[in-house]
Amino acid sequence: SGRSITSGKVLLEGKDLSDLTAQQRRR
């Protein structure tokens, strides 16, 4: 949900959300 990781990535429908904040991921 965007509350900091040391490494790795998060994808939603194939779109990389790793650089998005928690608020941006909510949107």
mmCIF file of all heavy atoms, coordinates in Angstrom:
data_MODEL
# 
_entry.id   MODEL 
# 
loop_
_atom_site.group_PDB 
_atom_site.id 
_atom_site.type_symbol 
_atom_site.label_atom_id 
_atom_site.label_alt_id 
_atom_site.label_comp_id 
_atom_site.label_asym_id 
_atom_site.label_entity_id 
_atom_site.label_seq_id 
_atom_site.pdbx_PDB_ins_code 
_atom_site.Cartn_x 
_atom_site.Cartn_y 
_atom_site.Cartn_z 
_atom_site.occupancy 
_atom_site.B_iso_or_equiv 
_atom_site.pdbx_formal_charge 
_atom_site.auth_seq_id 
_atom_site.auth_comp_id 
_atom_site.auth_asym_id 
_atom_site.auth_atom_id 
_atom_site.pdbx_PDB_model_num 
ATOM 1   N N   . SER A 1 1  ? 0.798   -1.233 0.000   1.00 0.00 ? 1  SER A N   1 
ATOM 2   C CA  . SER A 1 1  ? 0.000   0.000  0.000   1.00 0.00 ? 1  SER A CA  1 
ATOM 3   C C   . SER A 1 1  ? 0.827   1.278  0.000   1.00 0.00 ? 1  SER A C   1 
ATOM 4   O O   . SER A 1 1  ? 0.284   2.376  0.097   1.00 0.00 ? 1  SER A O   1 
ATOM 5   C CB  . SER A 1 1  ? -0.964  0.001  1.194   1.00 0.00 ? 1  SER A CB  1 
ATOM 6   O OG  . SER A 1 1  ? -0.264  -0.080 2.415   1.00 0.00 ? 1  SER A OG  1 
ATOM 7   N N   . GLY A 1 2  ? 2.144   1.147  -0.105  1.00 0.00 ? 2  GLY A N   1 
ATOM 8   C CA  . GLY A 1 2  ? 2.978   2.334  -0.303  1.00 0.00 ? 2  GLY A CA  1 
ATOM 9   C C   . GLY A 1 2  ? 3.576   2.931  0.937   1.00 0.00 ? 2  GLY A C   1 
ATOM 10  O O   . GLY A 1 2  ? 3.923   4.102  0.965   1.00 0.00 ? 2  GLY A O   1 
ATOM 11  N N   . ARG A 1 3  ? 3.752   2.111  1.977   1.00 0.00 ? 3  ARG A N   1 
ATOM 12  C CA  . ARG A 1 3  ? 4.315   2.622  3.226   1.00 0.00 ? 3  ARG A CA  1 
ATOM 13  C C   . ARG A 1 3  ? 5.744   2.141  3.405   1.00 0.00 ? 3  ARG A C   1 
ATOM 14  O O   . ARG A 1 3  ? 6.101   1.596  4.423   1.00 0.00 ? 3  ARG A O   1 
ATOM 15  C CB  . ARG A 1 3  ? 3.426   2.224  4.400   1.00 0.00 ? 3  ARG A CB  1 
ATOM 16  C CG  . ARG A 1 3  ? 2.058   2.855  4.259   1.00 0.00 ? 3  ARG A CG  1 
ATOM 17  C CD  . ARG A 1 3  ? 1.086   2.447  5.325   1.00 0.00 ? 3  ARG A CD  1 
ATOM 18  N NE  . ARG A 1 3  ? -0.226  2.981  5.016   1.00 0.00 ? 3  ARG A NE  1 
ATOM 19  C CZ  . ARG A 1 3  ? -0.646  4.193  5.345   1.00 0.00 ? 3  ARG A CZ  1 
ATOM 20  N NH1 . ARG A 1 3  ? 0.137   4.997  6.027   1.00 0.00 ? 3  ARG A NH1 1 
ATOM 21  N NH2 . ARG A 1 3  ? -1.833  4.599  5.017   1.00 0.00 ? 3  ARG A NH2 1 
ATOM 22  N N   . SER A 1 4  ? 6.508   2.299  2.359   1.00 0.00 ? 4  SER A N   1 
ATOM 23  C CA  . SER A 1 4  ? 7.961   2.097  2.311   1.00 0.00 ? 4  SER A CA  1 
ATOM 24  C C   . SER A 1 4  ? 8.412   0.649  2.250   1.00 0.00 ? 4  SER A C   1 
ATOM 25  O O   . SER A 1 4  ? 7.940   -0.197 3.011   1.00 0.00 ? 4  SER A O   1 
ATOM 26  C CB  . SER A 1 4  ? 8.689   2.786  3.477   1.00 0.00 ? 4  SER A CB  1 
ATOM 27  O OG  . SER A 1 4  ? 8.626   2.031  4.651   1.00 0.00 ? 4  SER A OG  1 
ATOM 28  N N   . ILE A 1 5  ? 9.308   0.381  1.291   1.00 0.00 ? 5  ILE A N   1 
ATOM 29  C CA  . ILE A 1 5  ? 9.983   -0.901 1.169   1.00 0.00 ? 5  ILE A CA  1 
ATOM 30  C C   . ILE A 1 5  ? 11.463  -0.624 0.931   1.00 0.00 ? 5  ILE A C   1 
ATOM 31  O O   . ILE A 1 5  ? 11.841  0.450  0.479   1.00 0.00 ? 5  ILE A O   1 
ATOM 32  C CB  . ILE A 1 5  ? 9.426   -1.750 0.011   1.00 0.00 ? 5  ILE A CB  1 
ATOM 33  C CG1 . ILE A 1 5  ? 9.485   -0.999 -1.321  1.00 0.00 ? 5  ILE A CG1 1 
ATOM 34  C CG2 . ILE A 1 5  ? 8.049   -2.264 0.322   1.00 0.00 ? 5  ILE A CG2 1 
ATOM 35  C CD1 . ILE A 1 5  ? 9.055   -1.836 -2.502  1.00 0.00 ? 5  ILE A CD1 1 
ATOM 36  N N   . THR A 1 6  ? 12.293  -1.604 1.244   1.00 0.00 ? 6  THR A N   1 
ATOM 37  C CA  . THR A 1 6  ? 13.726  -1.462 0.986   1.00 0.00 ? 6  THR A CA  1 
ATOM 38  C C   . THR A 1 6  ? 14.028  -1.781 -0.474  1.00 0.00 ? 6  THR A C   1 
ATOM 39  O O   . THR A 1 6  ? 14.836  -1.103 -1.112  1.00 0.00 ? 6  THR A O   1 
ATOM 40  C CB  . THR A 1 6  ? 14.524  -2.403 1.914   1.00 0.00 ? 6  THR A CB  1 
ATOM 41  O OG1 . THR A 1 6  ? 14.174  -2.121 3.267   1.00 0.00 ? 6  THR A OG1 1 
ATOM 42  C CG2 . THR A 1 6  ? 16.026  -2.205 1.725   1.00 0.00 ? 6  THR A CG2 1 
ATOM 43  N N   . SER A 1 7  ? 13.355  -2.808 -1.008  1.00 0.00 ? 7  SER A N   1 
ATOM 44  C CA  . SER A 1 7  ? 13.503  -3.154 -2.424  1.00 0.00 ? 7  SER A CA  1 
ATOM 45  C C   . SER A 1 7  ? 12.299  -3.942 -2.879  1.00 0.00 ? 7  SER A C   1 
ATOM 46  O O   . SER A 1 7  ? 11.515  -4.434 -2.081  1.00 0.00 ? 7  SER A O   1 
ATOM 47  C CB  . SER A 1 7  ? 14.787  -3.961 -2.653  1.00 0.00 ? 7  SER A CB  1 
ATOM 48  O OG  . SER A 1 7  ? 14.755  -5.175 -1.931  1.00 0.00 ? 7  SER A OG  1 
ATOM 49  N N   . GLY A 1 8  ? 12.151  -4.061 -4.212  1.00 0.00 ? 8  GLY A N   1 
ATOM 50  C CA  . GLY A 1 8  ? 11.021  -4.760 -4.805  1.00 0.00 ? 8  GLY A CA  1 
ATOM 51  C C   . GLY A 1 8  ? 10.091  -3.795 -5.510  1.00 0.00 ? 8  GLY A C   1 
ATOM 52  O O   . GLY A 1 8  ? 10.316  -2.577 -5.524  1.00 0.00 ? 8  GLY A O   1 
ATOM 53  N N   . LYS A 1 9  ? 9.035   -4.315 -6.117  1.00 0.00 ? 9  LYS A N   1 
ATOM 54  C CA  . LYS A 1 9  ? 8.083   -3.456 -6.809  1.00 0.00 ? 9  LYS A CA  1 
ATOM 55  C C   . LYS A 1 9  ? 6.664   -3.977 -6.657  1.00 0.00 ? 9  LYS A C   1 
ATOM 56  O O   . LYS A 1 9  ? 6.443   -5.158 -6.367  1.00 0.00 ? 9  LYS A O   1 
ATOM 57  C CB  . LYS A 1 9  ? 8.442   -3.309 -8.282  1.00 0.00 ? 9  LYS A CB  1 
ATOM 58  C CG  . LYS A 1 9  ? 8.462   -4.594 -9.086  1.00 0.00 ? 9  LYS A CG  1 
ATOM 59  C CD  . LYS A 1 9  ? 8.881   -4.294 -10.528 1.00 0.00 ? 9  LYS A CD  1 
ATOM 60  C CE  . LYS A 1 9  ? 8.947   -5.558 -11.377 1.00 0.00 ? 9  LYS A CE  1 
ATOM 61  N NZ  . LYS A 1 9  ? 9.319   -5.250 -12.772 1.00 0.00 ? 9  LYS A NZ  1 
ATOM 62  N N   . VAL A 1 10 ? 5.701   -3.065 -6.864  1.00 0.00 ? 10 VAL A N   1 
ATOM 63  C CA  . VAL A 1 10 ? 4.282   -3.382 -6.731  1.00 0.00 ? 10 VAL A CA  1 
ATOM 64  C C   . VAL A 1 10 ? 3.593   -3.023 -8.039  1.00 0.00 ? 10 VAL A C   1 
ATOM 65  O O   . VAL A 1 10 ? 3.760   -1.906 -8.555  1.00 0.00 ? 10 VAL A O   1 
ATOM 66  C CB  . VAL A 1 10 ? 3.640   -2.595 -5.571  1.00 0.00 ? 10 VAL A CB  1 
ATOM 67  C CG1 . VAL A 1 10 ? 2.141   -2.889 -5.496  1.00 0.00 ? 10 VAL A CG1 1 
ATOM 68  C CG2 . VAL A 1 10 ? 4.319   -2.941 -4.250  1.00 0.00 ? 10 VAL A CG2 1 
ATOM 69  N N   . LEU A 1 11 ? 2.834   -3.973 -8.576  1.00 0.00 ? 11 LEU A N   1 
ATOM 70  C CA  . LEU A 1 11 ? 2.126   -3.762 -9.834  1.00 0.00 ? 11 LEU A CA  1 
ATOM 71  C C   . LEU A 1 11 ? 0.630   -3.926 -9.620  1.00 0.00 ? 11 LEU A C   1 
ATOM 72  O O   . LEU A 1 11 ? 0.192   -4.825 -8.898  1.00 0.00 ? 11 LEU A O   1 
ATOM 73  C CB  . LEU A 1 11 ? 2.582   -4.761 -10.907 1.00 0.00 ? 11 LEU A CB  1 
ATOM 74  C CG  . LEU A 1 11 ? 4.069   -4.879 -11.211 1.00 0.00 ? 11 LEU A CG  1 
ATOM 75  C CD1 . LEU A 1 11 ? 4.313   -5.948 -12.263 1.00 0.00 ? 11 LEU A CD1 1 
ATOM 76  C CD2 . LEU A 1 11 ? 4.639   -3.546 -11.676 1.00 0.00 ? 11 LEU A CD2 1 
ATOM 77  N N   . LEU A 1 12 ? -0.155  -3.056 -10.252 1.00 0.00 ? 12 LEU A N   1 
ATOM 78  C CA  . LEU A 1 12 ? -1.606  -3.171 -10.269 1.00 0.00 ? 12 LEU A CA  1 
ATOM 79  C C   . LEU A 1 12 ? -2.034  -3.156 -11.724 1.00 0.00 ? 12 LEU A C   1 
ATOM 80  O O   . LEU A 1 12 ? -1.767  -2.184 -12.436 1.00 0.00 ? 12 LEU A O   1 
ATOM 81  C CB  . LEU A 1 12 ? -2.256  -2.012 -9.502  1.00 0.00 ? 12 LEU A CB  1 
ATOM 82  C CG  . LEU A 1 12 ? -3.785  -2.021 -9.433  1.00 0.00 ? 12 LEU A CG  1 
ATOM 83  C CD1 . LEU A 1 12 ? -4.290  -3.257 -8.706  1.00 0.00 ? 12 LEU A CD1 1 
ATOM 84  C CD2 . LEU A 1 12 ? -4.314  -0.758 -8.750  1.00 0.00 ? 12 LEU A CD2 1 
ATOM 85  N N   . GLU A 1 13 ? -2.650  -4.239 -12.168 1.00 0.00 ? 13 GLU A N   1 
ATOM 86  C CA  . GLU A 1 13 ? -3.009  -4.418 -13.575 1.00 0.00 ? 13 GLU A CA  1 
ATOM 87  C C   . GLU A 1 13 ? -1.794  -4.225 -14.487 1.00 0.00 ? 13 GLU A C   1 
ATOM 88  O O   . GLU A 1 13 ? -1.899  -3.662 -15.572 1.00 0.00 ? 13 GLU A O   1 
ATOM 89  C CB  . GLU A 1 13 ? -4.123  -3.451 -13.983 1.00 0.00 ? 13 GLU A CB  1 
ATOM 90  C CG  . GLU A 1 13 ? -5.435  -3.718 -13.261 1.00 0.00 ? 13 GLU A CG  1 
ATOM 91  C CD  . GLU A 1 13 ? -6.543  -2.782 -13.683 1.00 0.00 ? 13 GLU A CD  1 
ATOM 92  O OE1 . GLU A 1 13 ? -6.299  -1.547 -13.721 1.00 0.00 ? 13 GLU A OE1 1 
ATOM 93  O OE2 . GLU A 1 13 ? -7.649  -3.263 -13.964 1.00 0.00 ? 13 GLU A OE2 1 
ATOM 94  N N   . GLY A 1 14 ? -0.633  -4.674 -14.014 1.00 0.00 ? 14 GLY A N   1 
ATOM 95  C CA  . GLY A 1 14 ? 0.592   -4.588 -14.797 1.00 0.00 ? 14 GLY A CA  1 
ATOM 96  C C   . GLY A 1 14 ? 1.285   -3.242 -14.742 1.00 0.00 ? 14 GLY A C   1 
ATOM 97  O O   . GLY A 1 14 ? 2.406   -3.097 -15.243 1.00 0.00 ? 14 GLY A O   1 
ATOM 98  N N   . LYS A 1 15 ? 0.656   -2.249 -14.083 1.00 0.00 ? 15 LYS A N   1 
ATOM 99  C CA  . LYS A 1 15 ? 1.244   -0.916 -13.982 1.00 0.00 ? 15 LYS A CA  1 
ATOM 100 C C   . LYS A 1 15 ? 2.065   -0.821 -12.702 1.00 0.00 ? 15 LYS A C   1 
ATOM 101 O O   . LYS A 1 15 ? 1.587   -1.172 -11.621 1.00 0.00 ? 15 LYS A O   1 
ATOM 102 C CB  . LYS A 1 15 ? 0.142   0.148  -13.968 1.00 0.00 ? 15 LYS A CB  1 
ATOM 103 C CG  . LYS A 1 15 ? 0.668   1.573  -13.840 1.00 0.00 ? 15 LYS A CG  1 
ATOM 104 C CD  . LYS A 1 15 ? -0.477  2.573  -13.774 1.00 0.00 ? 15 LYS A CD  1 
ATOM 105 C CE  . LYS A 1 15 ? 0.038   3.997  -13.568 1.00 0.00 ? 15 LYS A CE  1 
ATOM 106 N NZ  . LYS A 1 15 ? -1.067  4.975  -13.453 1.00 0.00 ? 15 LYS A NZ  1 
ATOM 107 N N   . ASP A 1 16 ? 3.290   -0.341 -12.829 1.00 0.00 ? 16 ASP A N   1 
ATOM 108 C CA  . ASP A 1 16 ? 4.190   -0.242 -11.682 1.00 0.00 ? 16 ASP A CA  1 
ATOM 109 C C   . ASP A 1 16 ? 3.783   0.935  -10.797 1.00 0.00 ? 16 ASP A C   1 
ATOM 110 O O   . ASP A 1 16 ? 3.801   2.093  -11.217 1.00 0.00 ? 16 ASP A O   1 
ATOM 111 C CB  . ASP A 1 16 ? 5.627   -0.051 -12.182 1.00 0.00 ? 16 ASP A CB  1 
ATOM 112 C CG  . ASP A 1 16 ? 6.667   -0.269 -11.077 1.00 0.00 ? 16 ASP A CG  1 
ATOM 113 O OD1 . ASP A 1 16 ? 6.283   -0.208 -9.892  1.00 0.00 ? 16 ASP A OD1 1 
ATOM 114 O OD2 . ASP A 1 16 ? 7.834   -0.503 -11.406 1.00 0.00 ? 16 ASP A OD2 1 
ATOM 115 N N   . LEU A 1 17 ? 3.414   0.612  -9.548  1.00 0.00 ? 17 LEU A N   1 
ATOM 116 C CA  . LEU A 1 17 ? 2.999   1.640  -8.591  1.00 0.00 ? 17 LEU A CA  1 
ATOM 117 C C   . LEU A 1 17 ? 4.087   1.957  -7.575  1.00 0.00 ? 17 LEU A C   1 
ATOM 118 O O   . LEU A 1 17 ? 3.866   2.728  -6.644  1.00 0.00 ? 17 LEU A O   1 
ATOM 119 C CB  . LEU A 1 17 ? 1.754   1.169  -7.814  1.00 0.00 ? 17 LEU A CB  1 
ATOM 120 C CG  . LEU A 1 17 ? 0.524   0.727  -8.587  1.00 0.00 ? 17 LEU A CG  1 
ATOM 121 C CD1 . LEU A 1 17 ? -0.603  0.426  -7.606  1.00 0.00 ? 17 LEU A CD1 1 
ATOM 122 C CD2 . LEU A 1 17 ? 0.093   1.767  -9.603  1.00 0.00 ? 17 LEU A CD2 1 
ATOM 123 N N   . SER A 1 18 ? 5.269   1.378  -7.760  1.00 0.00 ? 18 SER A N   1 
ATOM 124 C CA  . SER A 1 18 ? 6.302   1.418  -6.726  1.00 0.00 ? 18 SER A CA  1 
ATOM 125 C C   . SER A 1 18 ? 6.673   2.827  -6.282  1.00 0.00 ? 18 SER A C   1 
ATOM 126 O O   . SER A 1 18 ? 7.029   3.053  -5.126  1.00 0.00 ? 18 SER A O   1 
ATOM 127 C CB  . SER A 1 18 ? 7.551   0.681  -7.215  1.00 0.00 ? 18 SER A CB  1 
ATOM 128 O OG  . SER A 1 18 ? 7.231   -0.646 -7.588  1.00 0.00 ? 18 SER A OG  1 
ATOM 129 N N   . ASP A 1 19 ? 6.609   3.786  -7.190  1.00 0.00 ? 19 ASP A N   1 
ATOM 130 C CA  . ASP A 1 19 ? 7.001   5.156  -6.853  1.00 0.00 ? 19 ASP A CA  1 
ATOM 131 C C   . ASP A 1 19 ? 5.825   6.018  -6.395  1.00 0.00 ? 19 ASP A C   1 
ATOM 132 O O   . ASP A 1 19 ? 5.995   7.215  -6.137  1.00 0.00 ? 19 ASP A O   1 
ATOM 133 C CB  . ASP A 1 19 ? 7.678   5.819  -8.061  1.00 0.00 ? 19 ASP A CB  1 
ATOM 134 C CG  . ASP A 1 19 ? 9.018   5.171  -8.399  1.00 0.00 ? 19 ASP A CG  1 
ATOM 135 O OD1 . ASP A 1 19 ? 9.675   4.657  -7.474  1.00 0.00 ? 19 ASP A OD1 1 
ATOM 136 O OD2 . ASP A 1 19 ? 9.391   5.159  -9.591  1.00 0.00 ? 19 ASP A OD2 1 
ATOM 137 N N   . LEU A 1 20 ? 4.645   5.428  -6.295  1.00 0.00 ? 20 LEU A N   1 
ATOM 138 C CA  . LEU A 1 20 ? 3.468   6.190  -5.896  1.00 0.00 ? 20 LEU A CA  1 
ATOM 139 C C   . LEU A 1 20 ? 3.310   6.175  -4.376  1.00 0.00 ? 20 LEU A C   1 
ATOM 140 O O   . LEU A 1 20 ? 3.638   5.195  -3.713  1.00 0.00 ? 20 LEU A O   1 
ATOM 141 C CB  . LEU A 1 20 ? 2.202   5.615  -6.538  1.00 0.00 ? 20 LEU A CB  1 
ATOM 142 C CG  . LEU A 1 20 ? 2.137   5.572  -8.060  1.00 0.00 ? 20 LEU A CG  1 
ATOM 143 C CD1 . LEU A 1 20 ? 0.754   5.113  -8.510  1.00 0.00 ? 20 LEU A CD1 1 
ATOM 144 C CD2 . LEU A 1 20 ? 2.471   6.931  -8.677  1.00 0.00 ? 20 LEU A CD2 1 
ATOM 145 N N   . THR A 1 21 ? 2.787   7.252  -3.839  1.00 0.00 ? 21 THR A N   1 
ATOM 146 C CA  . THR A 1 21 ? 2.499   7.328  -2.412  1.00 0.00 ? 21 THR A CA  1 
ATOM 147 C C   . THR A 1 21 ? 1.250   6.508  -2.099  1.00 0.00 ? 21 THR A C   1 
ATOM 148 O O   . THR A 1 21 ? 0.535   6.055  -3.003  1.00 0.00 ? 21 THR A O   1 
ATOM 149 C CB  . THR A 1 21 ? 2.242   8.778  -1.987  1.00 0.00 ? 21 THR A CB  1 
ATOM 150 O OG1 . THR A 1 21 ? 1.039   9.238  -2.652  1.00 0.00 ? 21 THR A OG1 1 
ATOM 151 C CG2 . THR A 1 21 ? 3.412   9.677  -2.359  1.00 0.00 ? 21 THR A CG2 1 
ATOM 152 N N   . ALA A 1 22 ? 0.979   6.330  -0.806  1.00 0.00 ? 22 ALA A N   1 
ATOM 153 C CA  . ALA A 1 22 ? -0.218  5.610  -0.394  1.00 0.00 ? 22 ALA A CA  1 
ATOM 154 C C   . ALA A 1 22 ? -1.476  6.284  -0.940  1.00 0.00 ? 22 ALA A C   1 
ATOM 155 O O   . ALA A 1 22 ? -2.416  5.610  -1.387  1.00 0.00 ? 22 ALA A O   1 
ATOM 156 C CB  . ALA A 1 22 ? -0.275  5.528  1.131   1.00 0.00 ? 22 ALA A CB  1 
ATOM 157 N N   . GLN A 1 23 ? -1.515  7.624  -0.932  1.00 0.00 ? 23 GLN A N   1 
ATOM 158 C CA  . GLN A 1 23 ? -2.671  8.354  -1.443  1.00 0.00 ? 23 GLN A CA  1 
ATOM 159 C C   . GLN A 1 23 ? -2.828  8.160  -2.953  1.00 0.00 ? 23 GLN A C   1 
ATOM 160 O O   . GLN A 1 23 ? -3.943  8.008  -3.458  1.00 0.00 ? 23 GLN A O   1 
ATOM 161 C CB  . GLN A 1 23 ? -2.541  9.846  -1.113  1.00 0.00 ? 23 GLN A CB  1 
ATOM 162 C CG  . GLN A 1 23 ? -2.644  10.188 0.360   1.00 0.00 ? 23 GLN A CG  1 
ATOM 163 C CD  . GLN A 1 23 ? -1.371  9.830  1.146   1.00 0.00 ? 23 GLN A CD  1 
ATOM 164 O OE1 . GLN A 1 23 ? -0.299  9.667  0.561   1.00 0.00 ? 23 GLN A OE1 1 
ATOM 165 N NE2 . GLN A 1 23 ? -1.504  9.696  2.463   1.00 0.00 ? 23 GLN A NE2 1 
ATOM 166 N N   . GLN A 1 24 ? -1.720  8.166  -3.675  1.00 0.00 ? 24 GLN A N   1 
ATOM 167 C CA  . GLN A 1 24 ? -1.771  7.962  -5.121  1.00 0.00 ? 24 GLN A CA  1 
ATOM 168 C C   . GLN A 1 24 ? -2.205  6.540  -5.461  1.00 0.00 ? 24 GLN A C   1 
ATOM 169 O O   . GLN A 1 24 ? -2.938  6.325  -6.422  1.00 0.00 ? 24 GLN A O   1 
ATOM 170 C CB  . GLN A 1 24 ? -0.403  8.257  -5.743  1.00 0.00 ? 24 GLN A CB  1 
ATOM 171 C CG  . GLN A 1 24 ? -0.031  9.729  -5.723  1.00 0.00 ? 24 GLN A CG  1 
ATOM 172 C CD  . GLN A 1 24 ? 1.420   9.978  -6.103  1.00 0.00 ? 24 GLN A CD  1 
ATOM 173 O OE1 . GLN A 1 24 ? 2.295   9.157  -5.844  1.00 0.00 ? 24 GLN A OE1 1 
ATOM 174 N NE2 . GLN A 1 24 ? 1.681   11.121 -6.723  1.00 0.00 ? 24 GLN A NE2 1 
ATOM 175 N N   . ARG A 1 25 ? -1.792  5.577  -4.654  1.00 0.00 ? 25 ARG A N   1 
ATOM 176 C CA  . ARG A 1 25 ? -2.228  4.197  -4.877  1.00 0.00 ? 25 ARG A CA  1 
ATOM 177 C C   . ARG A 1 25 ? -3.712  4.062  -4.611  1.00 0.00 ? 25 ARG A C   1 
ATOM 178 O O   . ARG A 1 25 ? -4.411  3.287  -5.279  1.00 0.00 ? 25 ARG A O   1 
ATOM 179 C CB  . ARG A 1 25 ? -1.424  3.233  -3.995  1.00 0.00 ? 25 ARG A CB  1 
ATOM 180 C CG  . ARG A 1 25 ? 0.033   3.166  -4.405  1.00 0.00 ? 25 ARG A CG  1 
ATOM 181 C CD  . ARG A 1 25 ? 0.826   2.155  -3.598  1.00 0.00 ? 25 ARG A CD  1 
ATOM 182 N NE  . ARG A 1 25 ? 2.255   2.468  -3.667  1.00 0.00 ? 25 ARG A NE  1 
ATOM 183 C CZ  . ARG A 1 25 ? 3.234   1.586  -3.527  1.00 0.00 ? 25 ARG A CZ  1 
ATOM 184 N NH1 . ARG A 1 25 ? 2.954   0.320  -3.302  1.00 0.00 ? 25 ARG A NH1 1 
ATOM 185 N NH2 . ARG A 1 25 ? 4.491   1.951  -3.602  1.00 0.00 ? 25 ARG A NH2 1 
ATOM 186 N N   . ARG A 1 26 ? -4.208  4.818  -3.650  1.00 0.00 ? 26 ARG A N   1 
ATOM 187 C CA  . ARG A 1 26 ? -5.651  4.792  -3.378  1.00 0.00 ? 26 ARG A CA  1 
ATOM 188 C C   . ARG A 1 26 ? -6.412  5.286  -4.598  1.00 0.00 ? 26 ARG A C   1 
ATOM 189 O O   . ARG A 1 26 ? -7.428  4.699  -4.995  1.00 0.00 ? 26 ARG A O   1 
ATOM 190 C CB  . ARG A 1 26 ? -5.956  5.676  -2.161  1.00 0.00 ? 26 ARG A CB  1 
ATOM 191 C CG  . ARG A 1 26 ? -7.458  5.730  -1.801  1.00 0.00 ? 26 ARG A CG  1 
ATOM 192 C CD  . ARG A 1 26 ? -7.911  4.364  -1.292  1.00 0.00 ? 26 ARG A CD  1 
ATOM 193 N NE  . ARG A 1 26 ? -9.253  4.400  -0.727  1.00 0.00 ? 26 ARG A NE  1 
ATOM 194 C CZ  . ARG A 1 26 ? -10.382 4.200  -1.405  1.00 0.00 ? 26 ARG A CZ  1 
ATOM 195 N NH1 . ARG A 1 26 ? -10.341 3.965  -2.702  1.00 0.00 ? 26 ARG A NH1 1 
ATOM 196 N NH2 . ARG A 1 26 ? -11.557 4.213  -0.802  1.00 0.00 ? 26 ARG A NH2 1 
ATOM 197 N N   . ARG A 1 27 ? -5.938  6.358  -5.209  1.00 0.00 ? 27 ARG A N   1 
ATOM 198 C CA  . ARG A 1 27 ? -6.608  6.880  -6.400  1.00 0.00 ? 27 ARG A CA  1 
ATOM 199 C C   . ARG A 1 27 ? -6.489  5.921  -7.578  1.00 0.00 ? 27 ARG A C   1 
ATOM 200 O O   . ARG A 1 27 ? -7.338  5.915  -8.471  1.00 0.00 ? 27 ARG A O   1 
ATOM 201 C CB  . ARG A 1 27 ? -6.033  8.255  -6.757  1.00 0.00 ? 27 ARG A CB  1 
ATOM 202 C CG  . ARG A 1 27 ? -6.446  9.359  -5.782  1.00 0.00 ? 27 ARG A CG  1 
ATOM 203 C CD  . ARG A 1 27 ? -6.142  10.733 -6.329  1.00 0.00 ? 27 ARG A CD  1 
ATOM 204 N NE  . ARG A 1 27 ? -4.711  11.006 -6.356  1.00 0.00 ? 27 ARG A NE  1 
ATOM 205 C CZ  . ARG A 1 27 ? -4.035  11.527 -5.337  1.00 0.00 ? 27 ARG A CZ  1 
ATOM 206 N NH1 . ARG A 1 27 ? -4.664  11.821 -4.210  1.00 0.00 ? 27 ARG A NH1 1 
ATOM 207 N NH2 . ARG A 1 27 ? -2.743  11.765 -5.447  1.00 0.00 ? 27 ARG A NH2 1 
# 
